[in-house]
Amino acid sequence: MAKKKNFPLRIDPELYAVIERWAQEEFRSVNSHIEFLLRDAARREGRLKKKKEKE
């Protein structure tokens, strides 16, 4: 697996609390849930291509 990029993220505490609760409901860490949300948004906007399924 490729190494992931680390960077600081400043976020509104109220929004963080929402994401934290949401992540718990989805059994994810806050970090992985933020990545999931960003990846989903990028796919929906056509900025990230879907991986080809193996045949």
PDB file of N, CA and C in Angstrom:
ATOM      1  N   MET A   1       0.841  -1.171   0.000  1.00  0.00           N
ATOM      2  CA  MET A   1       0.000   0.000   0.000  1.00  0.00           C
ATOM      3  C   MET A   1       0.892   1.242   0.000  1.00  0.00           C
ATOM      4  N   ALA A   2       0.469   2.251  -0.726  1.00  0.00           N
ATOM      5  CA  ALA A   2       1.241   3.494  -0.793  1.00  0.00           C
ATOM      6  C   ALA A   2       1.195   4.218   0.548  1.00  0.00           C
ATOM      7  N   LYS A   3       2.289   4.913   0.838  1.00  0.00           N
ATOM      8  CA  LYS A   3       2.341   5.684   2.068  1.00  0.00           C
ATOM      9  C   LYS A   3       1.366   6.851   1.972  1.00  0.00           C
ATOM     10  N   LYS A   4       0.691   7.140   3.059  1.00  0.00           N
ATOM     11  CA  LYS A   4      -0.276   8.232   3.078  1.00  0.00           C
ATOM     12  C   LYS A   4       0.400   9.530   3.476  1.00  0.00           C
ATOM     13  N   LYS A   5      -0.112  10.623   2.951  1.00  0.00           N
ATOM     14  CA  LYS A   5       0.411  11.953   3.225  1.00  0.00           C
ATOM     15  C   LYS A   5      -0.138  12.463   4.548  1.00  0.00           C
ATOM     16  N   ASN A   6       0.740  12.931   5.419  1.00  0.00           N
ATOM     17  CA  ASN A   6       0.341  13.537   6.687  1.00  0.00           C
ATOM     18  C   ASN A   6       0.308  15.044   6.532  1.00  0.00           C
ATOM     19  N   PHE A   7      -0.702  15.687   7.129  1.00  0.00           N
ATOM     20  CA  PHE A   7      -0.758  17.142   7.133  1.00  0.00           C
ATOM     21  C   PHE A   7      -1.661  17.597   8.280  1.00  0.00           C
ATOM     22  N   PRO A   8      -1.395  18.790   8.832  1.00  0.00           N
ATOM     23  CA  PRO A   8      -2.253  19.295   9.909  1.00  0.00           C
ATOM     24  C   PRO A   8      -3.584  19.779   9.340  1.00  0.00           C
ATOM     25  N   LEU A   9      -4.627  19.601  10.094  1.00  0.00           N
ATOM     26  CA  LEU A   9      -5.957  20.034   9.673  1.00  0.00           C
ATOM     27  C   LEU A   9      -6.580  20.849  10.799  1.00  0.00           C
ATOM     28  N   ARG A  10      -6.911  22.080  10.497  1.00  0.00           N
ATOM     29  CA  ARG A  10      -7.619  22.921  11.461  1.00  0.00           C
ATOM     30  C   ARG A  10      -9.095  22.843  11.102  1.00  0.00           C
ATOM     31  N   ILE A  11      -9.920  22.525  12.087  1.00  0.00           N
ATOM     32  CA  ILE A  11     -11.338  22.310  11.834  1.00  0.00           C
ATOM     33  C   ILE A  11     -12.145  22.875  13.000  1.00  0.00           C
ATOM     34  N   ASP A  12     -13.298  23.397  12.678  1.00  0.00           N
ATOM     35  CA  ASP A  12     -14.197  23.947  13.682  1.00  0.00           C
ATOM     36  C   ASP A  12     -14.558  22.853  14.698  1.00  0.00           C
ATOM     37  N   PRO A  13     -14.488  23.143  15.995  1.00  0.00           N
ATOM     38  CA  PRO A  13     -14.776  22.119  17.017  1.00  0.00           C
ATOM     39  C   PRO A  13     -16.186  21.513  16.893  1.00  0.00           C
ATOM     40  N   GLU A  14     -17.157  22.314  16.510  1.00  0.00           N
ATOM     41  CA  GLU A  14     -18.522  21.790  16.352  1.00  0.00           C
ATOM     42  C   GLU A  14     -18.588  20.786  15.204  1.00  0.00           C
ATOM     43  N   LEU A  15     -17.939  21.104  14.090  1.00  0.00           N
ATOM     44  CA  LEU A  15     -17.900  20.183  12.958  1.00  0.00           C
ATOM     45  C   LEU A  15     -17.135  18.916  13.324  1.00  0.00           C
ATOM     46  N   TYR A  16     -16.040  19.064  14.064  1.00  0.00           N
ATOM     47  CA  TYR A  16     -15.274  17.895  14.494  1.00  0.00           C
ATOM     48  C   TYR A  16     -16.147  16.962  15.337  1.00  0.00           C
ATOM     49  N   ALA A  17     -16.932  17.527  16.233  1.00  0.00           N
ATOM     50  CA  ALA A  17     -17.810  16.715  17.086  1.00  0.00           C
ATOM     51  C   ALA A  17     -18.815  15.939  16.241  1.00  0.00           C
ATOM     52  N   VAL A  18     -19.348  16.583  15.211  1.00  0.00           N
ATOM     53  CA  VAL A  18     -20.295  15.908  14.311  1.00  0.00           C
ATOM     54  C   VAL A  18     -19.603  14.746  13.603  1.00  0.00           C
ATOM     55  N   ILE A  19     -18.424  14.999  13.069  1.00  0.00           N
ATOM     56  CA  ILE A  19     -17.685  13.955  12.353  1.00  0.00           C
ATOM     57  C   ILE A  19     -17.275  12.837  13.300  1.00  0.00           C
ATOM     58  N   GLU A  20     -16.908  13.191  14.511  1.00  0.00           N
ATOM     59  CA  GLU A  20     -16.516  12.179  15.497  1.00  0.00           C
ATOM     60  C   GLU A  20     -17.680  11.241  15.813  1.00  0.00           C
ATOM     61  N   ARG A  21     -18.861  11.788  16.045  1.00  0.00           N
ATOM     62  CA  ARG A  21     -20.041  10.944  16.310  1.00  0.00           C
ATOM     63  C   ARG A  21     -20.384  10.091  15.091  1.00  0.00           C
ATOM     64  N   TRP A  22     -20.323  10.703  13.906  1.00  0.00           N
ATOM     65  CA  TRP A  22     -20.628  10.004  12.665  1.00  0.00           C
ATOM     66  C   TRP A  22     -19.652   8.846  12.465  1.00  0.00           C
ATOM     67  N   ALA A  23     -18.387   9.088  12.698  1.00  0.00           N
ATOM     68  CA  ALA A  23     -17.375   8.040  12.544  1.00  0.00           C
ATOM     69  C   ALA A  23     -17.641   6.878  13.495  1.00  0.00           C
ATOM     70  N   GLN A  24     -18.016   7.188  14.732  1.00  0.00           N
ATOM     71  CA  GLN A  24     -18.327   6.128  15.700  1.00  0.00           C
ATOM     72  C   GLN A  24     -19.495   5.277  15.213  1.00  0.00           C
ATOM     73  N   GLU A  25     -20.498   5.925  14.646  1.00  0.00           N
ATOM     74  CA  GLU A  25     -21.665   5.194  14.131  1.00  0.00           C
ATOM     75  C   GLU A  25     -21.289   4.271  12.973  1.00  0.00           C
ATOM     76  N   GLU A  26     -20.271   4.649  12.223  1.00  0.00           N
ATOM     77  CA  GLU A  26     -19.827   3.867  11.066  1.00  0.00           C
ATOM     78  C   GLU A  26     -18.655   2.938  11.412  1.00  0.00           C
ATOM     79  N   PHE A  27     -18.281   2.881  12.704  1.00  0.00           N
ATOM     80  CA  PHE A  27     -17.177   2.042  13.185  1.00  0.00           C
ATOM     81  C   PHE A  27     -15.862   2.380  12.492  1.00  0.00           C
ATOM     82  N   ARG A  28     -15.610   3.690  12.341  1.00  0.00           N
ATOM     83  CA  ARG A  28     -14.372   4.172  11.743  1.00  0.00           C
ATOM     84  C   ARG A  28     -13.703   5.130  12.706  1.00  0.00           C
ATOM     85  N   SER A  29     -12.400   5.337  12.502  1.00  0.00           N
ATOM     86  CA  SER A  29     -11.721   6.404  13.223  1.00  0.00           C
ATOM     87  C   SER A  29     -12.108   7.726  12.564  1.00  0.00           C
ATOM     88  N   VAL A  30     -11.897   8.821  13.266  1.00  0.00           N
ATOM     89  CA  VAL A  30     -12.189  10.135  12.694  1.00  0.00           C
ATOM     90  C   VAL A  30     -11.356  10.334  11.433  1.00  0.00           C
ATOM     91  N   ASN A  31     -10.083   9.992  11.492  1.00  0.00           N
ATOM     92  CA  ASN A  31      -9.203  10.154  10.341  1.00  0.00           C
ATOM     93  C   ASN A  31      -9.714   9.369   9.129  1.00  0.00           C
ATOM     94  N   SER A  32     -10.038   8.103   9.323  1.00  0.00           N
ATOM     95  CA  SER A  32     -10.487   7.294   8.184  1.00  0.00           C
ATOM     96  C   SER A  32     -11.850   7.760   7.683  1.00  0.00           C
ATOM     97  N   HIS A  33     -12.687   8.289   8.560  1.00  0.00           N
ATOM     98  CA  HIS A  33     -13.993   8.782   8.117  1.00  0.00           C
ATOM     99  C   HIS A  33     -13.839  10.061   7.293  1.00  0.00           C
ATOM    100  N   ILE A  34     -12.943  10.941   7.704  1.00  0.00           N
ATOM    101  CA  ILE A  34     -12.693  12.152   6.914  1.00  0.00           C
ATOM    102  C   ILE A  34     -12.170  11.755   5.532  1.00  0.00           C
ATOM    103  N   GLU A  35     -11.251  10.799   5.480  1.00  0.00           N
ATOM    104  CA  GLU A  35     -10.735  10.339   4.190  1.00  0.00           C
ATOM    105  C   GLU A  35     -11.854   9.727   3.349  1.00  0.00           C
ATOM    106  N   PHE A  36     -12.731   8.929   3.973  1.00  0.00           N
ATOM    107  CA  PHE A  36     -13.865   8.331   3.279  1.00  0.00           C
ATOM    108  C   PHE A  36     -14.767   9.414   2.682  1.00  0.00           C
ATOM    109  N   LEU A  37     -15.086  10.436   3.483  1.00  0.00           N
ATOM    110  CA  LEU A  37     -15.966  11.508   3.013  1.00  0.00           C
ATOM    111  C   LEU A  37     -15.341  12.291   1.860  1.00  0.00           C
ATOM    112  N   LEU A  38     -14.054  12.592   1.973  1.00  0.00           N
ATOM    113  CA  LEU A  38     -13.373  13.329   0.909  1.00  0.00           C
ATOM    114  C   LEU A  38     -13.289  12.507  -0.371  1.00  0.00           C
ATOM    115  N   ARG A  39     -12.969  11.221  -0.240  1.00  0.00           N
ATOM    116  CA  ARG A  39     -12.890  10.349  -1.416  1.00  0.00           C
ATOM    117  C   ARG A  39     -14.253  10.217  -2.090  1.00  0.00           C
ATOM    118  N   ASP A  40     -15.309  10.074  -1.302  1.00  0.00           N
ATOM    119  CA  ASP A  40     -16.660   9.971  -1.849  1.00  0.00           C
ATOM    120  C   ASP A  40     -17.049  11.253  -2.587  1.00  0.00           C
ATOM    121  N   ALA A  41     -16.754  12.400  -2.001  1.00  0.00           N
ATOM    122  CA  ALA A  41     -17.062  13.682  -2.647  1.00  0.00           C
ATOM    123  C   ALA A  41     -16.277  13.831  -3.951  1.00  0.00           C
ATOM    124  N   ALA A  42     -15.004  13.449  -3.946  1.00  0.00           N
ATOM    125  CA  ALA A  42     -14.178  13.550  -5.155  1.00  0.00           C
ATOM    126  C   ALA A  42     -14.704  12.638  -6.258  1.00  0.00           C
ATOM    127  N   ARG A  43     -15.154  11.441  -5.899  1.00  0.00           N
ATOM    128  CA  ARG A  43     -15.738  10.524  -6.896  1.00  0.00           C
ATOM    129  C   ARG A  43     -17.024  11.089  -7.478  1.00  0.00           C
ATOM    130  N   ARG A  44     -17.904  11.603  -6.607  1.00  0.00           N
ATOM    131  CA  ARG A  44     -19.183  12.151  -7.076  1.00  0.00           C
ATOM    132  C   ARG A  44     -18.993  13.332  -8.013  1.00  0.00           C
ATOM    133  N   GLU A  45     -17.937  14.097  -7.812  1.00  0.00           N
ATOM    134  CA  GLU A  45     -17.648  15.257  -8.654  1.00  0.00           C
ATOM    135  C   GLU A  45     -16.838  14.884  -9.901  1.00  0.00           C
ATOM    136  N   GLY A  46     -16.519  13.602 -10.051  1.00  0.00           N
ATOM    137  CA  GLY A  46     -15.774  13.148 -11.216  1.00  0.00           C
ATOM    138  C   GLY A  46     -14.300  13.497 -11.180  1.00  0.00           C
ATOM    139  N   ARG A  47     -13.792  13.793 -10.010  1.00  0.00           N
ATOM    140  CA  ARG A  47     -12.382  14.175  -9.888  1.00  0.00           C
ATOM    141  C   ARG A  47     -11.499  12.987  -9.509  1.00  0.00           C
ATOM    142  N   LEU A  48     -12.114  11.889  -9.146  1.00  0.00           N
ATOM    143  CA  LEU A  48     -11.376  10.686  -8.777  1.00  0.00           C
ATOM    144  C   LEU A  48     -12.037   9.517  -9.485  1.00  0.00           C
ATOM    145  N   LYS A  49     -11.267   8.853 -10.326  1.00  0.00           N
ATOM    146  CA  LYS A  49     -11.826   7.737 -11.080  1.00  0.00           C
ATOM    147  C   LYS A  49     -11.966   6.517 -10.189  1.00  0.00           C
ATOM    148  N   LYS A  50     -12.990   5.731 -10.449  1.00  0.00           N
ATOM    149  CA  LYS A  50     -13.178   4.489  -9.722  1.00  0.00           C
ATOM    150  C   LYS A  50     -12.109   3.481 -10.150  1.00  0.00           C
ATOM    151  N   LYS A  51     -11.682   2.658  -9.192  1.00  0.00           N
ATOM    152  CA  LYS A  51     -10.717   1.619  -9.507  1.00  0.00           C
ATOM    153  C   LYS A  51     -11.410   0.559 -10.354  1.00  0.00           C
ATOM    154  N   LYS A  52     -10.683   0.012 -11.328  1.00  0.00           N
ATOM    155  CA  LYS A  52     -11.226  -1.052 -12.165  1.00  0.00           C
ATOM    156  C   LYS A  52     -11.384  -2.304 -11.325  1.00  0.00           C
ATOM    157  N   GLU A  53     -12.515  -2.956 -11.507  1.00  0.00           N
ATOM    158  CA  GLU A  53     -12.738  -4.211 -10.799  1.00  0.00           C
ATOM    159  C   GLU A  53     -11.957  -5.314 -11.472  1.00  0.00           C
ATOM    160  N   LYS A  54     -11.382  -6.214 -10.666  1.00  0.00           N
ATOM    161  CA  LYS A  54     -10.631  -7.344 -11.206  1.00  0.00           C
ATOM    162  C   LYS A  54     -11.596  -8.333 -11.810  1.00  0.00           C
ATOM    163  N   GLU A  55     -11.226  -8.869 -12.962  1.00  0.00           N
ATOM    164  CA  GLU A  55     -12.088  -9.849 -13.651  1.00  0.00           C
ATOM    165  C   GLU A  55     -11.728 -11.251 -13.292  1.00  0.00           C
TER     166      GLU A  55
END
